[in-house]
Amino acid sequence: GTPLFPAPHKRDGYLRADPADPLAVAD
């Protein structure tokens, strides 16, 4: 869904992945 933070890739310790993408989840 919507990221929990603005600029989510810049928030240390906050990791996101598309649940429909197994490779992204594994990473």
PDB file of all heavy atoms in Angstrom:
ATOM      1  N   GLY A   1       0.811  -1.212   0.000  1.00  0.00           N
ATOM      2  CA  GLY A   1       0.000   0.000   0.000  1.00  0.00           C
ATOM      3  C   GLY A   1       0.842   1.260   0.000  1.00  0.00           C
ATOM      4  O   GLY A   1       2.015   1.262  -0.391  1.00  0.00           O
ATOM      5  N   THR A   2       0.245   2.346   0.459  1.00  0.00           N
ATOM      6  CA  THR A   2       0.933   3.639   0.526  1.00  0.00           C
ATOM      7  C   THR A   2       2.073   3.557   1.531  1.00  0.00           C
ATOM      8  O   THR A   2       1.896   3.012   2.629  1.00  0.00           O
ATOM      9  CB  THR A   2      -0.051   4.742   0.952  1.00  0.00           C
ATOM     10  OG1 THR A   2      -1.142   4.777   0.026  1.00  0.00           O
ATOM     11  CG2 THR A   2       0.634   6.099   0.987  1.00  0.00           C
ATOM     12  N   PRO A   3       3.252   4.077   1.195  1.00  0.00           N
ATOM     13  CA  PRO A   3       4.378   4.039   2.140  1.00  0.00           C
ATOM     14  C   PRO A   3       4.024   4.741   3.449  1.00  0.00           C
ATOM     15  O   PRO A   3       3.226   5.684   3.479  1.00  0.00           O
ATOM     16  CB  PRO A   3       5.494   4.778   1.394  1.00  0.00           C
ATOM     17  CG  PRO A   3       5.129   4.686  -0.047  1.00  0.00           C
ATOM     18  CD  PRO A   3       3.634   4.683  -0.102  1.00  0.00           C
ATOM     19  N   LEU A   4       4.637   4.300   4.522  1.00  0.00           N
ATOM     20  CA  LEU A   4       4.384   4.887   5.832  1.00  0.00           C
ATOM     21  C   LEU A   4       5.066   6.233   6.000  1.00  0.00           C
ATOM     22  O   LEU A   4       4.711   7.002   6.899  1.00  0.00           O
ATOM     23  CB  LEU A   4       4.862   3.938   6.934  1.00  0.00           C
ATOM     24  CG  LEU A   4       4.239   2.540   6.961  1.00  0.00           C
ATOM     25  CD1 LEU A   4       4.812   1.742   8.121  1.00  0.00           C
ATOM     26  CD2 LEU A   4       2.726   2.639   7.053  1.00  0.00           C
ATOM     27  N   PHE A   5       6.071   6.533   5.169  1.00  0.00           N
ATOM     28  CA  PHE A   5       6.843   7.760   5.308  1.00  0.00           C
ATOM     29  C   PHE A   5       7.003   8.431   3.945  1.00  0.00           C
ATOM     30  O   PHE A   5       7.016   7.762   2.909  1.00  0.00           O
ATOM     31  CB  PHE A   5       8.243   7.455   5.867  1.00  0.00           C
ATOM     32  CG  PHE A   5       8.250   6.770   7.193  1.00  0.00           C
ATOM     33  CD1 PHE A   5       8.423   5.397   7.268  1.00  0.00           C
ATOM     34  CD2 PHE A   5       8.082   7.492   8.363  1.00  0.00           C
ATOM     35  CE1 PHE A   5       8.445   4.754   8.494  1.00  0.00           C
ATOM     36  CE2 PHE A   5       8.092   6.849   9.592  1.00  0.00           C
ATOM     37  CZ  PHE A   5       8.271   5.483   9.660  1.00  0.00           C
ATOM     38  N   PRO A   6       7.172   9.757   3.934  1.00  0.00           N
ATOM     39  CA  PRO A   6       7.545  10.415   2.681  1.00  0.00           C
ATOM     40  C   PRO A   6       8.971  10.010   2.304  1.00  0.00           C
ATOM     41  O   PRO A   6       9.788   9.718   3.182  1.00  0.00           O
ATOM     42  CB  PRO A   6       7.464  11.908   3.034  1.00  0.00           C
ATOM     43  CG  PRO A   6       7.632  11.968   4.521  1.00  0.00           C
ATOM     44  CD  PRO A   6       7.009  10.707   5.049  1.00  0.00           C
ATOM     45  N   ALA A   7       9.255   9.971   1.019  1.00  0.00           N
ATOM     46  CA  ALA A   7      10.572   9.540   0.530  1.00  0.00           C
ATOM     47  C   ALA A   7      10.994   8.262   1.251  1.00  0.00           C
ATOM     48  O   ALA A   7      12.013   8.224   1.945  1.00  0.00           O
ATOM     49  CB  ALA A   7      11.612  10.634   0.732  1.00  0.00           C
ATOM     50  N   PRO A   8      10.211   7.186   1.120  1.00  0.00           N
ATOM     51  CA  PRO A   8      10.444   5.986   1.940  1.00  0.00           C
ATOM     52  C   PRO A   8      11.828   5.380   1.765  1.00  0.00           C
ATOM     53  O   PRO A   8      12.372   4.797   2.705  1.00  0.00           O
ATOM     54  CB  PRO A   8       9.349   5.027   1.463  1.00  0.00           C
ATOM     55  CG  PRO A   8       8.945   5.516   0.112  1.00  0.00           C
ATOM     56  CD  PRO A   8       9.082   7.005   0.179  1.00  0.00           C
ATOM     57  N   HIS A   9      12.427   5.507   0.577  1.00  0.00           N
ATOM     58  CA  HIS A   9      13.751   4.926   0.361  1.00  0.00           C
ATOM     59  C   HIS A   9      14.832   5.660   1.139  1.00  0.00           C
ATOM     60  O   HIS A   9      15.963   5.163   1.246  1.00  0.00           O
ATOM     61  CB  HIS A   9      14.081   4.949  -1.136  1.00  0.00           C
ATOM     62  CG  HIS A   9      14.061   6.313  -1.747  1.00  0.00           C
ATOM     63  ND1 HIS A   9      12.899   7.019  -1.936  1.00  0.00           N
ATOM     64  CD2 HIS A   9      15.073   7.113  -2.189  1.00  0.00           C
ATOM     65  CE1 HIS A   9      13.183   8.194  -2.483  1.00  0.00           C
ATOM     66  NE2 HIS A   9      14.479   8.275  -2.643  1.00  0.00           N
ATOM     67  N   LYS A  10      14.505   6.832   1.674  1.00  0.00           N
ATOM     68  CA  LYS A  10      15.479   7.608   2.439  1.00  0.00           C
ATOM     69  C   LYS A  10      15.328   7.408   3.954  1.00  0.00           C
ATOM     70  O   LYS A  10      16.086   8.003   4.724  1.00  0.00           O
ATOM     71  CB  LYS A  10      15.346   9.099   2.119  1.00  0.00           C
ATOM     72  CG  LYS A  10      15.708   9.464   0.681  1.00  0.00           C
ATOM     73  CD  LYS A  10      15.533  10.954   0.440  1.00  0.00           C
ATOM     74  CE  LYS A  10      15.908  11.338  -0.986  1.00  0.00           C
ATOM     75  NZ  LYS A  10      17.352  11.221  -1.216  1.00  0.00           N
ATOM     76  N   ARG A  11      14.362   6.620   4.377  1.00  0.00           N
ATOM     77  CA  ARG A  11      14.121   6.419   5.818  1.00  0.00           C
ATOM     78  C   ARG A  11      14.897   5.193   6.288  1.00  0.00           C
ATOM     79  O   ARG A  11      14.575   4.053   5.937  1.00  0.00           O
ATOM     80  CB  ARG A  11      12.630   6.247   6.088  1.00  0.00           C
ATOM     81  CG  ARG A  11      12.260   6.115   7.572  1.00  0.00           C
ATOM     82  CD  ARG A  11      12.553   7.361   8.354  1.00  0.00           C
ATOM     83  NE  ARG A  11      11.834   8.517   7.867  1.00  0.00           N
ATOM     84  CZ  ARG A  11      10.990   9.246   8.569  1.00  0.00           C
ATOM     85  NH1 ARG A  11      10.756   8.938   9.828  1.00  0.00           N
ATOM     86  NH2 ARG A  11      10.402  10.311   8.035  1.00  0.00           N
ATOM     87  N   ASP A  12      15.936   5.414   7.082  1.00  0.00           N
ATOM     88  CA  ASP A  12      16.757   4.307   7.565  1.00  0.00           C
ATOM     89  C   ASP A  12      15.920   3.316   8.363  1.00  0.00           C
ATOM     90  O   ASP A  12      15.127   3.708   9.226  1.00  0.00           O
ATOM     91  CB  ASP A  12      17.894   4.837   8.461  1.00  0.00           C
ATOM     92  CG  ASP A  12      18.904   5.678   7.693  1.00  0.00           C
ATOM     93  OD1 ASP A  12      18.983   5.511   6.465  1.00  0.00           O
ATOM     94  OD2 ASP A  12      19.596   6.498   8.322  1.00  0.00           O
ATOM     95  N   GLY A  13      16.097   2.039   8.072  1.00  0.00           N
ATOM     96  CA  GLY A  13      15.398   0.999   8.813  1.00  0.00           C
ATOM     97  C   GLY A  13      14.020   0.672   8.313  1.00  0.00           C
ATOM     98  O   GLY A  13      13.383  -0.260   8.816  1.00  0.00           O
ATOM     99  N   TYR A  14      13.523   1.424   7.313  1.00  0.00           N
ATOM    100  CA  TYR A  14      12.208   1.154   6.739  1.00  0.00           C
ATOM    101  C   TYR A  14      12.389   0.521   5.365  1.00  0.00           C
ATOM    102  O   TYR A  14      12.910   1.151   4.438  1.00  0.00           O
ATOM    103  CB  TYR A  14      11.391   2.443   6.629  1.00  0.00           C
ATOM    104  CG  TYR A  14      10.040   2.259   5.967  1.00  0.00           C
ATOM    105  CD1 TYR A  14       9.077   1.424   6.534  1.00  0.00           C
ATOM    106  CD2 TYR A  14       9.725   2.923   4.776  1.00  0.00           C
ATOM    107  CE1 TYR A  14       7.838   1.255   5.925  1.00  0.00           C
ATOM    108  CE2 TYR A  14       8.486   2.765   4.170  1.00  0.00           C
ATOM    109  CZ  TYR A  14       7.549   1.925   4.747  1.00  0.00           C
ATOM    110  OH  TYR A  14       6.324   1.753   4.150  1.00  0.00           O
ATOM    111  N   LEU A  15      11.979  -0.721   5.235  1.00  0.00           N
ATOM    112  CA  LEU A  15      12.166  -1.489   4.014  1.00  0.00           C
ATOM    113  C   LEU A  15      10.803  -1.847   3.428  1.00  0.00           C
ATOM    114  O   LEU A  15       9.881  -2.211   4.158  1.00  0.00           O
ATOM    115  CB  LEU A  15      12.955  -2.765   4.306  1.00  0.00           C
ATOM    116  CG  LEU A  15      14.267  -2.573   5.088  1.00  0.00           C
ATOM    117  CD1 LEU A  15      14.846  -3.916   5.482  1.00  0.00           C
ATOM    118  CD2 LEU A  15      15.260  -1.774   4.277  1.00  0.00           C
ATOM    119  N   ARG A  16      10.691  -1.739   2.109  1.00  0.00           N
ATOM    120  CA  ARG A  16       9.424  -2.046   1.443  1.00  0.00           C
ATOM    121  C   ARG A  16       9.664  -3.006   0.291  1.00  0.00           C
ATOM    122  O   ARG A  16      10.737  -3.011  -0.320  1.00  0.00           O
ATOM    123  CB  ARG A  16       8.772  -0.780   0.878  1.00  0.00           C
ATOM    124  CG  ARG A  16       8.364   0.248   1.880  1.00  0.00           C
ATOM    125  CD  ARG A  16       7.732   1.447   1.174  1.00  0.00           C
ATOM    126  NE  ARG A  16       6.416   1.123   0.636  1.00  0.00           N
ATOM    127  CZ  ARG A  16       6.039   1.331  -0.614  1.00  0.00           C
ATOM    128  NH1 ARG A  16       6.892   1.801  -1.505  1.00  0.00           N
ATOM    129  NH2 ARG A  16       4.812   1.037  -1.011  1.00  0.00           N
ATOM    130  N   ALA A  17       8.652  -3.796  -0.021  1.00  0.00           N
ATOM    131  CA  ALA A  17       8.702  -4.666  -1.194  1.00  0.00           C
ATOM    132  C   ALA A  17       7.286  -4.964  -1.635  1.00  0.00           C
ATOM    133  O   ALA A  17       6.353  -5.026  -0.816  1.00  0.00           O
ATOM    134  CB  ALA A  17       9.448  -5.961  -0.889  1.00  0.00           C
ATOM    135  N   ASP A  18       7.130  -5.153  -2.926  1.00  0.00           N
ATOM    136  CA  ASP A  18       5.831  -5.542  -3.485  1.00  0.00           C
ATOM    137  C   ASP A  18       5.553  -6.987  -3.090  1.00  0.00           C
ATOM    138  O   ASP A  18       6.314  -7.898  -3.458  1.00  0.00           O
ATOM    139  CB  ASP A  18       5.878  -5.396  -5.010  1.00  0.00           C
ATOM    140  CG  ASP A  18       4.569  -5.766  -5.684  1.00  0.00           C
ATOM    141  OD1 ASP A  18       3.655  -6.261  -4.995  1.00  0.00           O
ATOM    142  OD2 ASP A  18       4.471  -5.574  -6.908  1.00  0.00           O
ATOM    143  N   PRO A  19       4.498  -7.249  -2.341  1.00  0.00           N
ATOM    144  CA  PRO A  19       4.224  -8.620  -1.888  1.00  0.00           C
ATOM    145  C   PRO A  19       3.972  -9.591  -3.040  1.00  0.00           C
ATOM    146  O   PRO A  19       4.086 -10.810  -2.851  1.00  0.00           O
ATOM    147  CB  PRO A  19       2.995  -8.470  -1.002  1.00  0.00           C
ATOM    148  CG  PRO A  19       2.341  -7.202  -1.455  1.00  0.00           C
ATOM    149  CD  PRO A  19       3.464  -6.303  -1.880  1.00  0.00           C
ATOM    150  N   ALA A  20       3.662  -9.079  -4.233  1.00  0.00           N
ATOM    151  CA  ALA A  20       3.423  -9.948  -5.389  1.00  0.00           C
ATOM    152  C   ALA A  20       4.709 -10.299  -6.125  1.00  0.00           C
ATOM    153  O   ALA A  20       4.678 -11.072  -7.080  1.00  0.00           O
ATOM    154  CB  ALA A  20       2.450  -9.271  -6.358  1.00  0.00           C
ATOM    155  N   ASP A  21       5.840  -9.746  -5.679  1.00  0.00           N
ATOM    156  CA  ASP A  21       7.130  -9.987  -6.324  1.00  0.00           C
ATOM    157  C   ASP A  21       8.020 -10.793  -5.373  1.00  0.00           C
ATOM    158  O   ASP A  21       8.652 -10.221  -4.483  1.00  0.00           O
ATOM    159  CB  ASP A  21       7.789  -8.658  -6.682  1.00  0.00           C
ATOM    160  CG  ASP A  21       9.092  -8.826  -7.457  1.00  0.00           C
ATOM    161  OD1 ASP A  21       9.650  -9.935  -7.456  1.00  0.00           O
ATOM    162  OD2 ASP A  21       9.565  -7.824  -8.050  1.00  0.00           O
ATOM    163  N   PRO A  22       8.084 -12.120  -5.533  1.00  0.00           N
ATOM    164  CA  PRO A  22       8.859 -12.947  -4.602  1.00  0.00           C
ATOM    165  C   PRO A  22      10.331 -12.553  -4.512  1.00  0.00           C
ATOM    166  O   PRO A  22      10.932 -12.616  -3.432  1.00  0.00           O
ATOM    167  CB  PRO A  22       8.698 -14.367  -5.171  1.00  0.00           C
ATOM    168  CG  PRO A  22       7.459 -14.318  -5.996  1.00  0.00           C
ATOM    169  CD  PRO A  22       7.400 -12.931  -6.562  1.00  0.00           C
ATOM    170  N   LEU A  23      10.921 -12.145  -5.637  1.00  0.00           N
ATOM    171  CA  LEU A  23      12.329 -11.765  -5.619  1.00  0.00           C
ATOM    172  C   LEU A  23      12.542 -10.493  -4.797  1.00  0.00           C
ATOM    173  O   LEU A  23      13.493 -10.405  -4.013  1.00  0.00           O
ATOM    174  CB  LEU A  23      12.843 -11.564  -7.048  1.00  0.00           C
ATOM    175  CG  LEU A  23      14.335 -11.223  -7.182  1.00  0.00           C
ATOM    176  CD1 LEU A  23      15.187 -12.321  -6.557  1.00  0.00           C
ATOM    177  CD2 LEU A  23      14.708 -11.015  -8.649  1.00  0.00           C
ATOM    178  N   ALA A  24      11.640  -9.514  -4.963  1.00  0.00           N
ATOM    179  CA  ALA A  24      11.741  -8.283  -4.192  1.00  0.00           C
ATOM    180  C   ALA A  24      11.558  -8.550  -2.702  1.00  0.00           C
ATOM    181  O   ALA A  24      12.254  -7.968  -1.862  1.00  0.00           O
ATOM    182  CB  ALA A  24      10.705  -7.268  -4.681  1.00  0.00           C
ATOM    183  N   VAL A  25      10.634  -9.441  -2.359  1.00  0.00           N
ATOM    184  CA  VAL A  25      10.425  -9.800  -0.958  1.00  0.00           C
ATOM    185  C   VAL A  25      11.674 -10.466  -0.387  1.00  0.00           C
ATOM    186  O   VAL A  25      12.119 -10.155   0.723  1.00  0.00           O
ATOM    187  CB  VAL A  25       9.196 -10.714  -0.809  1.00  0.00           C
ATOM    188  CG1 VAL A  25       9.096 -11.251   0.620  1.00  0.00           C
ATOM    189  CG2 VAL A  25       7.919  -9.969  -1.175  1.00  0.00           C
ATOM    190  N   ALA A  26      12.261 -11.380  -1.159  1.00  0.00           N
ATOM    191  CA  ALA A  26      13.474 -12.069  -0.697  1.00  0.00           C
ATOM    192  C   ALA A  26      14.609 -11.078  -0.469  1.00  0.00           C
ATOM    193  O   ALA A  26      15.353 -11.178   0.515  1.00  0.00           O
ATOM    194  CB  ALA A  26      13.884 -13.133  -1.709  1.00  0.00           C
ATOM    195  N   ASP A  27      14.750 -10.093  -1.373  1.00  0.00           N
ATOM    196  CA  ASP A  27      15.798  -9.077  -1.206  1.00  0.00           C
ATOM    197  C   ASP A  27      15.555  -8.248   0.048  1.00  0.00           C
ATOM    198  O   ASP A  27      16.497  -7.941   0.789  1.00  0.00           O
ATOM    199  CB  ASP A  27      15.835  -8.157  -2.434  1.00  0.00           C
ATOM    200  CG  ASP A  27      16.417  -8.838  -3.666  1.00  0.00           C
ATOM    201  OD1 ASP A  27      17.062  -9.896  -3.504  1.00  0.00           O
ATOM    202  OD2 ASP A  27      16.226  -8.316  -4.779  1.00  0.00           O
TER     203      ASP A  27
END
